[in-house]
Amino acid sequence: MIQRGQGAYSQLTTAAKEKEKVQPKTGTSNIRKAGSSIPEQIGEYIDTIGDQGAISVPISGIHPLARTASGYVKSLAGPLGRPFRLETPKATKDFYQDTIDAARLIKPATDSSNGRLVFNQNIQNKEEYDRLGGSIINKDYGRYTAEVKRNGQVIPDDDYDTNRDVGWHARIALTGKDEHGNSKSITDRIISAASAPHRLLTDVGWTNRRPFGKNVSIGTRDQK
C-alpha cells in the first residue's frame, strides 16, 4: 500500500514492487536491488526535491520572520507550494540551535543507534523555554521531538500543524479570550487568525506538513 507522505519516486517504486509481488518471476528476470543503481539515486534526489523544493525563495533568507512567514505560506499552499525551497537566515539557525541546547536529551546516540531529544514545556530550564517558546520564530517547529544522529545532527520529525482546532483559534482571533476567559495578546490573536484557516485546510488534507523539508538537520547536540 502506498503511504501518505511518500515522494513521487517512492510512490512509483512502491507501486511497482506491489505489482511484482503478484506476478510470477521468470528465469530471465534480472532486477537490480533498490539503491544499487544511478536511477535509484536520482529517484531519491527527486523525493528530496519534493520535500524541500527546488526553486529558491530568496526573501525567506533575509530575516527570521520572513522565513517563518514563508513557511506558513508554503504549507498553506499545499502541493502548489512544494516546488519552492526556503532559505535559512543565520539568526534562524542560531535560534534553532538554542532550542536544541535547551532541549531534554531522552536517549543519547550510541555506536549502533540514534538518539532522541524533545523541546517542550517540560524541559528543565523553564525560563529558556518561555523565552524561546514565546518567539514567533518558534512557530517553524514549535514543541518538537527529534532524532539525534550518531554524528550529533538533530533532525525534527514533527509535522507543521497546530494542536488546537479551528473553533479554538477563531475564538482567540475574534474575542481575544480563551475558553477560560483569559485575555490574549495581540500577537496571540494574529497567530490564531493565521492558524484557523491553516487547521481547516490541514483537516481536509491540503496543507504541506513539511514546508521546511523532511529529514533536514537544524543543528547539532553534544550527547555527553
Protein backbone atom coordinates (compact mmCIF):
# COMPACT_ATOMS: atom_id res chain seq x y z
CA MET A 1 0.00 0.00 0.00
CA ILE A 2 1.32 3.46 -0.90
CA GLN A 3 1.84 5.52 2.24
CA ARG A 4 0.78 9.14 2.58
CA GLY A 5 3.76 11.49 2.58
CA GLN A 6 5.93 9.45 0.21
CA GLY A 7 7.69 11.33 -2.55
CA ALA A 8 6.66 10.83 -6.16
CA TYR A 9 9.52 8.47 -6.92
CA SER A 10 8.92 6.40 -3.78
CA GLN A 11 5.23 6.09 -4.67
CA LEU A 12 6.09 4.78 -8.14
CA THR A 13 8.64 2.26 -6.84
CA THR A 14 6.27 1.11 -4.09
CA ALA A 15 3.53 0.50 -6.66
CA ALA A 16 5.98 -1.39 -8.87
CA LYS A 17 7.11 -3.61 -6.01
CA GLU A 18 3.50 -4.40 -5.05
CA LYS A 19 2.75 -5.33 -8.66
CA GLU A 20 5.87 -7.52 -8.76
CA LYS A 21 4.65 -9.49 -5.71
CA VAL A 22 1.56 -10.71 -7.54
CA GLN A 23 3.36 -11.58 -10.78
CA PRO A 24 5.34 -14.82 -11.16
CA LYS A 25 9.06 -14.39 -11.66
CA THR A 26 10.68 -15.82 -14.78
CA GLY A 27 14.11 -17.32 -15.16
CA THR A 28 15.24 -14.39 -17.28
CA SER A 29 14.45 -11.81 -14.62
CA ASN A 30 17.48 -9.84 -13.52
CA ILE A 31 16.10 -6.97 -11.44
CA ARG A 32 18.73 -4.98 -9.54
CA LYS A 33 18.26 -4.33 -5.84
CA ALA A 34 16.88 -0.94 -4.76
CA GLY A 35 19.58 1.66 -4.19
CA SER A 36 22.16 -0.14 -6.33
CA SER A 37 21.78 1.91 -9.50
CA ILE A 38 22.18 5.51 -10.60
CA PRO A 39 18.45 5.78 -11.49
CA GLU A 40 17.62 4.77 -7.91
CA GLN A 41 19.89 7.51 -6.58
CA ILE A 42 18.35 10.06 -8.93
CA GLY A 43 14.91 8.96 -7.73
CA GLU A 44 15.88 9.54 -4.11
CA TYR A 45 17.08 13.03 -5.01
CA ILE A 46 13.74 13.73 -6.71
CA ASP A 47 11.99 12.79 -3.46
CA THR A 48 14.21 15.24 -1.57
CA ILE A 49 13.30 17.99 -4.03
CA GLY A 50 9.65 17.10 -3.44
CA ASP A 51 10.01 17.74 0.29
CA GLN A 52 12.27 20.80 0.29
CA GLY A 53 11.56 22.30 -3.10
CA ALA A 54 13.92 23.27 -5.93
CA ILE A 55 13.05 26.93 -6.63
CA SER A 56 14.73 29.18 -4.08
CA VAL A 57 12.71 31.88 -2.31
CA PRO A 58 15.43 34.50 -1.59
CA ILE A 59 13.26 36.67 0.64
CA SER A 60 12.95 33.78 3.11
CA GLY A 61 16.67 34.04 3.83
CA ILE A 62 16.71 37.76 4.60
CA HIS A 63 15.23 37.69 8.11
CA PRO A 64 13.92 35.01 10.52
CA LEU A 65 10.40 36.44 10.38
CA ALA A 66 10.50 36.28 6.59
CA ARG A 67 11.39 32.58 6.76
CA THR A 68 8.66 31.89 9.31
CA ALA A 69 6.08 33.72 7.20
CA SER A 70 7.28 31.93 4.05
CA GLY A 71 6.98 28.57 5.82
CA TYR A 72 3.36 29.34 6.71
CA VAL A 73 2.51 30.39 3.15
CA LYS A 74 4.26 27.35 1.63
CA SER A 75 2.43 25.00 3.99
CA LEU A 76 -0.91 26.72 3.35
CA ALA A 77 -0.38 26.44 -0.42
CA GLY A 78 -0.18 22.66 -0.13
CA PRO A 79 1.01 20.95 -3.33
CA LEU A 80 1.23 24.32 -5.09
CA GLY A 81 3.99 25.40 -2.71
CA ARG A 82 6.09 22.23 -2.85
CA PRO A 83 8.36 23.37 -5.73
CA PHE A 84 9.70 26.26 -3.64
CA ARG A 85 12.75 25.94 -1.39
CA LEU A 86 13.02 28.16 1.69
CA GLU A 87 16.36 29.62 2.75
CA THR A 88 17.57 29.80 6.36
CA PRO A 89 18.97 33.07 7.80
CA LYS A 90 21.87 32.78 10.24
CA ALA A 91 19.72 34.20 13.04
CA THR A 92 17.21 31.39 12.46
CA LYS A 93 19.98 28.79 12.59
CA ASP A 94 21.15 30.30 15.88
CA PHE A 95 17.60 30.17 17.23
CA TYR A 96 17.18 26.51 16.27
CA GLN A 97 20.49 25.73 17.96
CA ASP A 98 19.30 27.48 21.14
CA THR A 99 16.23 25.21 21.23
CA ILE A 100 18.47 22.17 20.77
CA ASP A 101 20.77 23.27 23.61
CA ALA A 102 17.76 23.77 25.89
CA ALA A 103 16.03 20.53 24.87
CA ARG A 104 15.93 17.40 27.02
CA LEU A 105 18.00 14.50 25.74
CA ILE A 106 15.75 11.48 26.09
CA LYS A 107 18.22 8.95 24.75
CA PRO A 108 21.80 9.59 23.63
CA ALA A 109 23.02 8.08 20.40
CA THR A 110 25.28 5.05 20.55
CA ASP A 111 27.55 3.34 18.05
CA SER A 112 24.60 1.21 16.96
CA SER A 113 21.57 3.53 17.25
CA ASN A 114 20.46 7.15 17.01
CA GLY A 115 19.30 9.19 19.99
CA ARG A 116 16.20 11.25 20.76
CA LEU A 117 15.54 14.68 22.26
CA VAL A 118 12.45 16.80 22.98
CA PHE A 119 11.85 20.53 23.19
CA ASN A 120 8.66 21.34 25.10
CA GLN A 121 7.29 22.94 28.27
CA ASN A 122 8.62 20.08 30.40
CA ILE A 123 12.32 20.79 29.87
CA GLN A 124 14.39 21.62 32.94
CA ASN A 125 15.15 25.24 32.01
CA LYS A 126 11.65 26.76 32.19
CA GLU A 127 12.88 30.32 31.67
CA GLU A 128 14.64 29.33 28.48
CA TYR A 129 11.53 27.54 27.23
CA ASP A 130 9.43 30.64 27.93
CA ARG A 131 11.92 32.82 26.06
CA LEU A 132 12.25 30.55 23.05
CA GLY A 133 8.74 29.13 23.02
CA GLY A 134 7.22 32.61 23.12
CA SER A 135 9.07 33.72 19.99
CA ILE A 136 7.14 33.75 16.73
CA ILE A 137 10.19 32.11 15.12
CA ASN A 138 9.40 29.05 17.20
CA LYS A 139 6.32 28.55 15.03
CA ASP A 140 8.68 26.93 12.48
CA TYR A 141 8.91 23.75 14.59
CA GLY A 142 7.13 24.59 17.85
CA ARG A 143 7.35 21.93 20.53
CA TYR A 144 9.15 19.14 18.78
CA THR A 145 10.80 15.77 19.15
CA ALA A 146 13.88 14.99 17.09
CA GLU A 147 16.23 12.24 16.12
CA VAL A 148 19.86 12.75 17.12
CA LYS A 149 22.20 11.08 14.66
CA ARG A 150 25.39 9.45 15.80
CA ASN A 151 27.32 12.41 14.37
CA GLY A 152 25.24 14.79 16.52
CA GLN A 153 22.96 16.12 13.76
CA VAL A 154 19.44 16.88 15.03
CA ILE A 155 16.51 16.13 12.71
CA PRO A 156 12.96 17.07 13.84
CA ASP A 157 10.23 14.60 12.97
CA ASP A 158 7.13 16.64 13.86
CA ASP A 159 4.62 17.85 11.28
CA TYR A 160 3.89 21.54 10.67
CA ASP A 161 0.48 21.90 12.28
CA THR A 162 -1.42 23.16 15.33
CA ASN A 163 -2.71 21.13 18.27
CA ARG A 164 -5.82 23.35 18.58
CA ASP A 165 -8.95 23.09 16.47
CA VAL A 166 -10.46 25.75 14.17
CA GLY A 167 -13.02 26.88 16.77
CA TRP A 168 -10.37 27.50 19.43
CA HIS A 169 -8.30 29.67 17.11
CA ALA A 170 -11.37 31.51 15.81
CA ARG A 171 -12.38 32.37 19.39
CA ILE A 172 -8.94 33.77 20.20
CA ALA A 173 -8.78 35.78 16.97
CA LEU A 174 -12.28 37.26 17.26
CA THR A 175 -12.69 37.80 21.01
CA GLY A 176 -9.14 37.96 22.34
CA LYS A 177 -10.04 35.49 25.10
CA ASP A 178 -9.50 31.77 25.58
CA GLU A 179 -12.09 29.24 26.79
CA HIS A 180 -11.40 30.26 30.40
CA GLY A 181 -11.94 33.95 29.72
CA ASN A 182 -8.24 34.81 29.94
CA SER A 183 -7.18 37.73 27.76
CA LYS A 184 -4.72 37.02 24.96
CA SER A 185 -2.17 39.37 23.44
CA ILE A 186 -2.38 40.97 20.01
CA THR A 187 0.35 38.58 18.86
CA ASP A 188 -1.69 35.61 20.06
CA ARG A 189 -4.73 36.88 18.18
CA ILE A 190 -2.73 37.34 14.97
CA ILE A 191 -1.25 33.85 15.26
CA SER A 192 -4.70 32.33 15.83
CA ALA A 193 -6.13 34.28 12.89
CA ALA A 194 -3.48 32.62 10.72
CA SER A 195 -3.80 29.21 12.38
CA ALA A 196 -7.57 28.84 11.94
CA PRO A 197 -7.59 28.58 8.12
CA HIS A 198 -4.41 26.52 8.21
CA ARG A 199 -6.01 23.97 10.54
CA LEU A 200 -9.12 23.91 8.36
CA LEU A 201 -7.06 23.03 5.28
CA THR A 202 -4.97 20.55 7.28
CA ASP A 203 -8.13 18.72 8.31
CA VAL A 204 -9.06 18.19 4.64
CA GLY A 205 -5.55 17.03 3.74
CA TRP A 206 -4.45 20.03 1.71
CA THR A 207 -1.53 21.58 3.61
CA ASN A 208 2.14 20.73 3.23
CA ARG A 209 3.10 19.09 6.54
CA ARG A 210 6.85 19.57 5.99
CA PRO A 211 7.33 23.00 4.34
CA PHE A 212 10.97 23.19 5.51
CA GLY A 213 11.74 19.73 4.20
CA LYS A 214 11.90 16.23 5.59
CA ASN A 215 15.00 14.74 7.22
CA VAL A 216 16.61 18.18 7.50
CA SER A 217 19.18 18.86 10.23
CA ILE A 218 18.57 22.06 12.24
CA GLY A 219 21.72 21.88 14.36
CA THR A 220 23.87 19.60 16.48
CA ARG A 221 23.78 18.23 20.00
CA ASP A 222 26.64 17.20 22.28
CA GLN A 223 25.39 13.91 23.72
CA LYS A 224 27.60 13.74 26.78
